[in-house]
Amino acid sequence: MKTISGTNLEQAKSHNRRVVIEAIRTNGPMSRAAIARMTALTTQTVSNIVEELARSHLLMPMEAQKIARGQPITPYMINPAGAYSIGLELGRQRAAGVLTDLSGTVCARIECHVDRPGPTEAMPVLAQIVRDLQETFSFDRGRLLGVGIALPGRYADGGVTSLSPLNLPGWQDFPVASELERLIDLPVLVENDATAAAIGERLYGVARGLGSFVYLFLAGDGGIGAGMFLDGHLYKGSRANAGEIGHIIVEPHGRLCTCGKRGCLDRYVSPSVAYECLGIEDAQELDPDELDAMVTANSHGLQVWLEQAVQPLRQTIDFLELAFDPQTIVLGGSAPTSLIIGLAERVEPLHIPVNPTEKRTIPRLMIGATGKDTAILGAAALPIFSETNPQFDVLQKPLTHSAVMG
C-alpha cells in the first residue's frame, strides 16, 4: 500500500482533503481508521474530512464490514459520479472532446474535422464541443470541475503559448486558456501533450500510485517529449521547460536538428523519423487509424527505423535513470501503437542499472497509454488532478520574516 503523509495544521486543510482522496484513489476503498494510519492524520481530522467529502459526493460509503472485535467498519470509495471533467485536443485536421467522470471513464465524445486552424477558427470550434458535450450526457453540471486542453508546444502561466503548438500561424503568444474561458465560462487548464499524458497515466494508468516516474511521450504528429513526476510532484522546471528531451544530443556531430544542434534524440527516435523510414508523407494530415494501418502494413520500414532508434533510446533511458532515479520509465503517446510496442520490445535489454543487485518490484520500462486518445484523456485529467492532487507546495512555503521573529 502507498503511504502519503498529511498535516494537522489548520491552514493546510485543502492539502489534507487531497491527501485523503489520494490515499483512497491509489489504494482502493478504505475505512477512516485505515486512512488515519496511512496518512498520519488524526482520527478526528480524517472523520471530519471524510464526512465533508461524502456530503460533496466525492466519496461514497460502501456496505459496513464486520470485524472480529469491535464495531463494524465502513470503507469509503471514490464516487465516479462525484465530479466530471472535459478534455479537449486540437490537431491540424481534427478537433475532439471527451467528458469523463472522476474515475476517468469516458461518458461522451465528440470529434469534428478542422483544416489547419488558427486561433480565430479553433476557439469557437472548441467552445462548441464543450457545449455539445454537456448536452450529450445527462449529469449535474454543478459537478463539472472544468476543461483541460492538451496541445504540442510550451505553455507559460495562464496557458499562453510560448511556441506555435501546431506549426501554424497565429498561435505564438496566444492566450489559449483565458480566451477559451471567456467563451465557455468554465475554468480552463492548458498543458503540453506530454505533461497531460503523464498526469493521466498517474491518475488512471500503469503509473497509478507511483511517486517518481518519467513518461516518454511519442506524439502522433511526430515529436518526442517527456512528463515527469518526482517524489509525488509534477516536475516542470524553473521555466516550465522540463521534459524537452527531444533535444538531448545522443550522436555528437550527427544529423542536423530543427533546433540548430546536431545529433538530437528527436532526429533518431521521434515518430517523424519513423514516418520517413516508412515512406509516409504528411503524417500530420492523416486520420490516426489510417496512419496506424499504414505503419502496420510496412514491416520493413518499421524495422529500418527501429534499428536506428533503439540505441539512442537506450542511452536516453540510462541518462534519465541516473539523473532522476525514477521508479520506472513509461513509454507511451499518441503515435501509432505499433511504433511504441515495437520500440519497447527492441530496446531491451537496457543498460546495466546503477545498482544491478537491487531487487525491483516494478519493471524499469513499462508501456503506458497509446493511441489517438492518449493526449485527450490526459487533458481531461487536468482539472481532476488540479482539484485532487495533494498540494505539497502549501507545506513548503518559506516563513515570512515576521513569522520567524515571532
Protein backbone atom coordinates (compact mmCIF):
# COMPACT_ATOMS: atom_id res chain seq x y z
CA MET A 1 0.00 0.00 0.00
CA LYS A 2 1.21 3.51 -0.80
CA THR A 3 1.86 5.81 2.14
CA ILE A 4 1.30 9.56 1.92
CA SER A 5 1.53 11.90 4.87
CA GLY A 6 -0.84 14.69 5.71
CA THR A 7 -0.51 17.51 8.19
CA ASN A 8 -2.70 18.55 11.09
CA LEU A 9 -2.06 22.25 10.51
CA GLU A 10 -5.36 24.08 10.06
CA GLN A 11 -4.01 26.20 7.21
CA ALA A 12 -3.33 23.04 5.19
CA LYS A 13 -6.94 21.80 5.22
CA SER A 14 -7.10 21.75 1.43
CA HIS A 15 -3.95 19.64 1.27
CA ASN A 16 -5.39 17.19 3.79
CA ARG A 17 -8.58 16.75 1.77
CA ARG A 18 -6.48 15.91 -1.25
CA VAL A 19 -4.32 13.51 0.77
CA VAL A 20 -7.42 11.56 1.81
CA ILE A 21 -8.68 11.39 -1.79
CA GLU A 22 -5.22 10.33 -3.00
CA ALA A 23 -4.99 7.58 -0.38
CA ILE A 24 -8.31 6.08 -1.46
CA ARG A 25 -7.67 6.61 -5.16
CA THR A 26 -4.35 4.77 -5.10
CA ASN A 27 -5.20 2.04 -2.59
CA GLY A 28 -8.90 1.40 -3.12
CA PRO A 29 -11.74 1.55 -0.56
CA MET A 30 -10.51 2.37 2.96
CA SER A 31 -12.01 2.88 6.40
CA ARG A 32 -11.42 6.07 8.36
CA ALA A 33 -9.05 4.25 10.71
CA ALA A 34 -7.03 2.87 7.81
CA ILE A 35 -6.83 6.34 6.23
CA ALA A 36 -5.61 7.82 9.53
CA ARG A 37 -2.89 5.17 9.85
CA MET A 38 -1.71 5.69 6.28
CA THR A 39 -1.72 9.49 6.23
CA ALA A 40 -0.53 10.29 9.78
CA LEU A 41 -3.61 12.47 10.23
CA THR A 42 -5.57 12.29 13.48
CA THR A 43 -8.69 10.13 13.53
CA GLN A 44 -10.84 13.22 14.17
CA THR A 45 -9.29 15.09 11.25
CA VAL A 46 -9.92 12.14 8.94
CA SER A 47 -13.52 11.78 10.18
CA ASN A 48 -14.22 15.46 9.51
CA ILE A 49 -12.69 15.30 6.03
CA VAL A 50 -14.47 12.06 5.07
CA GLU A 51 -17.82 13.49 6.19
CA GLU A 52 -17.19 16.65 4.16
CA LEU A 53 -16.15 14.69 1.06
CA ALA A 54 -19.18 12.41 1.38
CA ARG A 55 -21.52 15.42 1.63
CA SER A 56 -19.95 16.83 -1.54
CA HIS A 57 -20.40 13.42 -3.25
CA LEU A 58 -16.68 12.91 -3.94
CA LEU A 59 -16.65 9.87 -1.64
CA MET A 60 -19.34 7.27 -1.09
CA PRO A 61 -19.69 4.72 1.72
CA MET A 62 -19.70 1.02 1.00
CA GLU A 63 -21.50 -1.67 2.94
CA ALA A 64 -20.29 -1.92 6.54
CA GLN A 65 -17.90 -4.81 7.16
CA LYS A 66 -17.90 -6.90 10.33
CA ILE A 67 -14.57 -7.44 12.07
CA ALA A 68 -13.57 -9.93 14.73
CA ARG A 69 -13.89 -7.47 17.59
CA GLY A 70 -15.40 -4.05 17.91
CA GLN A 71 -17.84 -2.10 15.77
CA PRO A 72 -18.25 -2.82 12.03
CA ILE A 73 -16.12 -0.60 9.79
CA THR A 74 -17.39 1.34 6.79
CA PRO A 75 -14.97 1.62 3.85
CA TYR A 76 -15.22 4.66 1.60
CA MET A 77 -14.54 4.72 -2.13
CA ILE A 78 -14.22 7.38 -4.82
CA ASN A 79 -17.62 8.22 -6.26
CA PRO A 80 -17.23 8.20 -10.06
CA ALA A 81 -20.25 10.48 -10.42
CA GLY A 82 -18.89 12.89 -7.82
CA ALA A 83 -17.15 15.09 -10.37
CA TYR A 84 -16.72 15.44 -14.13
CA SER A 85 -14.15 16.94 -16.44
CA ILE A 86 -13.86 17.81 -20.13
CA GLY A 87 -10.74 17.16 -22.16
CA LEU A 88 -10.02 18.80 -25.50
CA GLU A 89 -7.48 18.10 -28.20
CA LEU A 90 -6.72 20.10 -31.32
CA GLY A 91 -4.75 18.86 -34.30
CA ARG A 92 -4.17 20.05 -37.82
CA GLN A 93 -7.13 18.04 -39.12
CA ARG A 94 -9.13 17.08 -36.03
CA ALA A 95 -10.72 18.74 -33.01
CA ALA A 96 -12.07 16.43 -30.33
CA GLY A 97 -13.53 16.48 -26.86
CA VAL A 98 -14.40 13.95 -24.16
CA LEU A 99 -16.42 14.18 -20.98
CA THR A 100 -15.05 11.92 -18.23
CA ASP A 101 -16.14 11.14 -14.69
CA LEU A 102 -13.95 11.07 -11.59
CA SER A 103 -12.74 7.55 -12.41
CA GLY A 104 -11.57 8.59 -15.88
CA THR A 105 -14.38 6.75 -17.67
CA VAL A 106 -15.41 8.44 -20.92
CA CYS A 107 -19.10 9.42 -20.72
CA ALA A 108 -19.35 11.28 -24.03
CA ARG A 109 -17.16 12.01 -27.04
CA ILE A 110 -17.33 14.45 -29.95
CA GLU A 111 -15.00 14.84 -32.93
CA CYS A 112 -15.09 17.22 -35.86
CA HIS A 113 -12.92 17.98 -38.86
CA VAL A 114 -10.78 21.11 -38.98
CA ASP A 115 -8.34 22.31 -41.61
CA ARG A 116 -5.05 23.63 -40.19
CA PRO A 117 -6.86 26.04 -37.85
CA GLY A 118 -5.52 29.25 -36.40
CA PRO A 119 -6.87 30.56 -33.08
CA THR A 120 -9.67 32.53 -34.73
CA GLU A 121 -11.05 29.35 -36.28
CA ALA A 122 -10.19 26.94 -33.48
CA MET A 123 -11.54 28.69 -30.38
CA PRO A 124 -15.23 28.77 -31.46
CA VAL A 125 -14.99 25.11 -32.55
CA LEU A 126 -13.58 24.03 -29.18
CA ALA A 127 -16.17 26.11 -27.32
CA GLN A 128 -18.98 24.45 -29.27
CA ILE A 129 -17.58 21.00 -28.49
CA VAL A 130 -17.67 21.87 -24.78
CA ARG A 131 -21.31 22.98 -25.04
CA ASP A 132 -22.30 19.92 -27.07
CA LEU A 133 -20.66 17.52 -24.61
CA GLN A 134 -22.72 18.99 -21.79
CA GLU A 135 -25.89 18.47 -23.82
CA THR A 136 -24.99 14.94 -24.93
CA PHE A 137 -24.66 13.40 -21.46
CA SER A 138 -27.07 13.96 -18.60
CA PHE A 139 -25.25 14.92 -15.38
CA ASP A 140 -25.19 17.51 -12.63
CA ARG A 141 -23.36 20.40 -14.28
CA GLY A 142 -22.52 21.79 -10.87
CA ARG A 143 -20.06 18.90 -10.59
CA LEU A 144 -18.13 19.86 -13.73
CA LEU A 145 -14.67 20.83 -12.49
CA GLY A 146 -13.50 22.47 -15.69
CA VAL A 147 -11.85 21.91 -19.05
CA GLY A 148 -8.36 20.69 -19.88
CA ILE A 149 -6.71 21.05 -23.24
CA ALA A 150 -3.56 19.29 -24.44
CA LEU A 151 -1.52 20.85 -27.23
CA PRO A 152 2.00 20.31 -28.50
CA GLY A 153 4.35 23.14 -27.58
CA ARG A 154 5.29 25.02 -24.43
CA TYR A 155 2.99 27.00 -22.18
CA ALA A 156 3.61 29.79 -19.73
CA ASP A 157 1.39 30.58 -16.74
CA GLY A 158 -2.19 31.21 -17.80
CA GLY A 159 -1.98 28.88 -20.79
CA VAL A 160 -0.16 31.32 -23.08
CA THR A 161 1.72 29.56 -25.85
CA SER A 162 5.46 30.16 -25.98
CA LEU A 163 5.88 28.12 -29.16
CA SER A 164 3.45 27.71 -32.03
CA PRO A 165 1.83 24.42 -30.96
CA LEU A 166 0.60 23.27 -34.35
CA ASN A 167 3.33 24.82 -36.50
CA LEU A 168 0.61 27.09 -37.84
CA PRO A 169 0.46 30.90 -37.89
CA GLY A 170 -1.35 32.84 -35.19
CA TRP A 171 -0.64 30.64 -32.18
CA GLN A 172 2.58 32.27 -30.94
CA ASP A 173 1.85 34.02 -27.59
CA PHE A 174 -1.88 33.33 -27.93
CA PRO A 175 -3.71 33.18 -24.53
CA VAL A 176 -5.44 29.83 -25.05
CA ALA A 177 -6.78 29.44 -21.51
CA SER A 178 -8.22 32.91 -20.99
CA GLU A 179 -9.77 33.07 -24.46
CA LEU A 180 -11.49 29.72 -24.09
CA GLU A 181 -12.66 30.62 -20.56
CA ARG A 182 -14.26 33.75 -21.98
CA LEU A 183 -16.24 31.69 -24.48
CA ILE A 184 -17.41 28.86 -22.21
CA ASP A 185 -17.47 30.43 -18.71
CA LEU A 186 -15.60 27.48 -17.18
CA PRO A 187 -12.09 27.12 -15.73
CA VAL A 188 -9.58 26.05 -18.40
CA LEU A 189 -6.20 24.41 -17.85
CA VAL A 190 -3.68 24.09 -20.69
CA GLU A 191 -0.71 21.72 -20.78
CA ASN A 192 1.61 20.34 -23.39
CA ASP A 193 0.60 16.88 -24.54
CA ALA A 194 3.46 15.03 -22.81
CA THR A 195 2.72 16.50 -19.39
CA ALA A 196 -1.02 15.95 -19.78
CA ALA A 197 -0.43 12.31 -20.73
CA ALA A 198 1.84 11.83 -17.69
CA ILE A 199 -0.89 13.19 -15.42
CA GLY A 200 -3.44 10.85 -16.98
CA GLU A 201 -1.06 7.93 -16.55
CA ARG A 202 -0.57 8.74 -12.87
CA LEU A 203 -4.28 9.03 -12.15
CA TYR A 204 -5.56 6.07 -14.16
CA GLY A 205 -2.75 4.12 -15.84
CA VAL A 206 0.29 1.97 -15.15
CA ALA A 207 1.89 4.76 -13.06
CA ARG A 208 -1.09 4.97 -10.72
CA GLY A 209 0.20 5.48 -7.21
CA LEU A 210 3.84 5.93 -8.24
CA GLY A 211 5.67 8.90 -6.76
CA SER A 212 8.53 9.11 -9.28
CA PHE A 213 8.42 8.21 -12.95
CA VAL A 214 9.29 9.64 -16.35
CA TYR A 215 6.73 9.38 -19.13
CA LEU A 216 8.31 9.31 -22.59
CA PHE A 217 5.66 10.66 -24.96
CA LEU A 218 5.83 9.84 -28.67
CA ALA A 219 3.44 12.25 -30.35
CA GLY A 220 1.32 11.24 -33.29
CA ASP A 221 2.34 14.47 -35.04
CA GLY A 222 5.97 13.36 -34.93
CA GLY A 223 7.77 14.70 -31.84
CA ILE A 224 9.09 13.21 -28.60
CA GLY A 225 8.91 14.74 -25.14
CA ALA A 226 8.60 13.78 -21.50
CA GLY A 227 6.42 14.41 -18.47
CA MET A 228 7.96 13.85 -15.03
CA PHE A 229 6.73 13.12 -11.52
CA LEU A 230 9.42 13.30 -8.84
CA ASP A 231 8.58 12.42 -5.23
CA GLY A 232 4.89 12.97 -5.89
CA HIS A 233 5.39 16.36 -7.53
CA LEU A 234 4.67 17.12 -11.17
CA TYR A 235 8.07 18.50 -12.17
CA LYS A 236 8.02 21.26 -14.79
CA GLY A 237 11.31 23.05 -14.16
CA SER A 238 12.11 26.66 -13.33
CA ARG A 239 10.84 27.92 -16.70
CA ALA A 240 8.35 25.10 -17.42
CA ASN A 241 10.71 23.58 -20.00
CA ALA A 242 11.48 20.31 -18.22
CA GLY A 243 10.86 17.32 -20.46
CA GLU A 244 12.27 18.74 -23.70
CA ILE A 245 14.29 15.56 -24.06
CA GLY A 246 13.97 15.51 -27.83
CA HIS A 247 16.96 17.84 -27.90
CA ILE A 248 19.35 15.75 -25.80
CA ILE A 249 22.36 15.05 -28.01
CA VAL A 250 22.71 11.30 -28.49
CA GLU A 251 25.01 11.34 -31.53
CA PRO A 252 27.74 14.03 -31.48
CA HIS A 253 28.06 15.72 -34.88
CA GLY A 254 25.05 13.70 -36.05
CA ARG A 255 22.01 14.73 -38.03
CA LEU A 256 21.02 18.39 -38.12
CA CYS A 257 18.01 19.13 -35.92
CA THR A 258 15.42 21.90 -36.31
CA CYS A 259 16.72 23.40 -33.03
CA GLY A 260 20.08 24.10 -34.71
CA LYS A 261 22.09 21.42 -32.91
CA ARG A 262 23.28 18.13 -34.36
CA GLY A 263 22.60 14.61 -33.16
CA CYS A 264 19.45 15.30 -31.11
CA LEU A 265 17.32 12.39 -29.90
CA ASP A 266 14.41 13.74 -31.94
CA ARG A 267 16.32 13.04 -35.17
CA TYR A 268 16.57 9.32 -34.41
CA VAL A 269 13.69 8.21 -32.19
CA SER A 270 10.77 10.52 -32.95
CA PRO A 271 7.78 9.23 -34.94
CA SER A 272 8.56 11.79 -37.67
CA VAL A 273 11.76 9.86 -38.44
CA ALA A 274 9.77 6.63 -38.39
CA TYR A 275 7.41 8.11 -40.98
CA GLU A 276 10.39 8.98 -43.18
CA CYS A 277 11.62 5.36 -42.99
CA LEU A 278 8.11 4.12 -43.73
CA GLY A 279 7.69 6.42 -46.72
CA ILE A 280 4.67 8.14 -45.17
CA GLU A 281 4.29 11.75 -46.23
CA ASP A 282 2.19 14.38 -44.43
CA ALA A 283 1.50 12.09 -41.45
CA GLN A 284 0.03 15.06 -39.56
CA GLU A 285 -2.72 15.30 -42.16
CA LEU A 286 -3.78 11.63 -41.89
CA ASP A 287 -6.52 10.11 -39.78
CA PRO A 288 -4.89 8.34 -36.76
CA ASP A 289 -6.49 4.98 -37.62
CA GLU A 290 -5.34 5.26 -41.23
CA LEU A 291 -1.82 6.14 -40.08
CA ASP A 292 -1.71 3.14 -37.72
CA ALA A 293 -2.76 0.82 -40.54
CA MET A 294 -0.03 2.18 -42.84
CA VAL A 295 2.63 1.59 -40.17
CA THR A 296 1.46 -1.95 -39.52
CA ALA A 297 1.48 -2.77 -43.24
CA ASN A 298 5.14 -1.81 -43.74
CA SER A 299 7.18 -4.14 -41.52
CA HIS A 300 10.41 -3.48 -43.44
CA GLY A 301 10.23 0.28 -42.97
CA LEU A 302 9.40 -0.22 -39.30
CA GLN A 303 12.50 -2.39 -38.83
CA VAL A 304 14.70 0.20 -40.54
CA TRP A 305 13.53 2.82 -38.07
CA LEU A 306 13.87 0.54 -35.06
CA GLU A 307 17.47 -0.29 -35.98
CA GLN A 308 18.48 3.37 -35.71
CA ALA A 309 16.16 4.31 -32.84
CA VAL A 310 16.92 1.61 -30.27
CA GLN A 311 20.43 2.62 -29.18
CA PRO A 312 19.68 6.36 -28.78
CA LEU A 313 16.56 5.50 -26.75
CA ARG A 314 18.50 3.04 -24.60
CA GLN A 315 21.10 5.75 -23.97
CA THR A 316 18.36 8.25 -23.03
CA ILE A 317 16.69 5.85 -20.60
CA ASP A 318 20.07 5.26 -18.96
CA PHE A 319 20.56 9.01 -18.57
CA LEU A 320 17.07 9.52 -17.10
CA GLU A 321 17.56 6.72 -14.59
CA LEU A 322 20.93 8.07 -13.47
CA ALA A 323 19.75 11.69 -13.29
CA PHE A 324 16.33 11.30 -11.65
CA ASP A 325 16.24 7.80 -10.11
CA PRO A 326 12.60 7.15 -11.10
CA GLN A 327 10.71 4.05 -10.08
CA THR A 328 10.08 3.35 -13.76
CA ILE A 329 10.17 4.81 -17.25
CA VAL A 330 6.79 4.76 -19.02
CA LEU A 331 6.75 4.66 -22.81
CA GLY A 332 3.53 5.81 -24.46
CA GLY A 333 1.94 8.53 -26.52
CA SER A 334 -0.46 9.31 -29.35
CA ALA A 335 1.85 7.82 -32.00
CA PRO A 336 0.68 4.59 -33.67
CA THR A 337 0.61 1.78 -31.14
CA SER A 338 2.74 -0.49 -33.34
CA LEU A 339 5.61 2.05 -33.21
CA ILE A 340 5.57 2.24 -29.42
CA ILE A 341 5.25 -1.50 -28.83
CA GLY A 342 7.99 -2.26 -31.36
CA LEU A 343 10.31 0.23 -29.70
CA ALA A 344 9.63 -1.12 -26.20
CA GLU A 345 10.32 -4.69 -27.31
CA ARG A 346 13.55 -3.86 -29.15
CA VAL A 347 15.08 -1.53 -26.54
CA GLU A 348 15.54 -4.42 -24.11
CA PRO A 349 17.96 -5.28 -22.64
CA LEU A 350 18.56 -1.85 -21.10
CA HIS A 351 21.98 -0.72 -19.92
CA ILE A 352 23.15 -2.11 -16.57
CA PRO A 353 21.48 -0.09 -13.77
CA VAL A 354 23.49 1.76 -11.14
CA ASN A 355 22.61 -0.93 -8.57
CA PRO A 356 22.24 -4.18 -10.50
CA THR A 357 21.79 -6.35 -7.38
CA GLU A 358 18.79 -4.39 -6.13
CA LYS A 359 15.54 -6.34 -6.17
CA ARG A 360 12.92 -4.49 -8.19
CA THR A 361 9.16 -4.86 -7.81
CA ILE A 362 8.38 -2.53 -10.73
CA PRO A 363 9.81 -3.04 -14.24
CA ARG A 364 12.35 -0.48 -15.36
CA LEU A 365 10.35 0.14 -18.54
CA MET A 366 6.57 -0.03 -18.85
CA ILE A 367 4.20 0.59 -21.76
CA GLY A 368 1.62 3.21 -20.91
CA ALA A 369 -1.39 4.52 -22.74
CA THR A 370 -1.02 4.52 -26.51
CA GLY A 371 -3.06 5.60 -29.49
CA LYS A 372 -5.05 8.62 -30.51
CA ASP A 373 -6.84 9.12 -27.16
CA THR A 374 -3.69 9.39 -25.04
CA ALA A 375 -3.41 13.18 -25.04
CA ILE A 376 -7.13 13.92 -24.83
CA LEU A 377 -7.63 11.65 -21.82
CA GLY A 378 -4.64 13.35 -20.25
CA ALA A 379 -6.30 16.69 -20.95
CA ALA A 380 -9.48 15.52 -19.23
CA ALA A 381 -7.37 14.53 -16.21
CA LEU A 382 -6.01 18.08 -15.78
CA PRO A 383 -8.95 19.59 -13.86
CA ILE A 384 -9.33 16.43 -11.74
CA PHE A 385 -5.62 16.42 -10.95
CA SER A 386 -5.77 20.12 -10.09
CA GLU A 387 -8.63 19.56 -7.65
CA THR A 388 -7.50 16.30 -6.03
CA ASN A 389 -3.69 16.05 -6.11
CA PRO A 390 -2.01 16.85 -2.76
CA GLN A 391 -0.62 20.41 -2.67
CA PHE A 392 2.87 19.83 -1.35
CA ASP A 393 3.77 23.44 -2.07
CA VAL A 394 1.29 24.52 0.63
CA LEU A 395 3.58 22.86 3.16
CA GLN A 396 6.81 24.21 1.73
CA LYS A 397 6.20 27.95 1.53
CA PRO A 398 9.03 29.85 3.22
CA LEU A 399 8.29 31.56 6.51
CA THR A 400 7.90 35.32 6.44
CA HIS A 401 10.27 37.49 8.45
CA SER A 402 7.55 38.25 10.98
CA ALA A 403 6.75 34.54 11.42
CA VAL A 404 10.41 33.74 12.01
CA MET A 405 10.82 36.56 14.53
CA GLY A 406 7.62 35.50 16.34
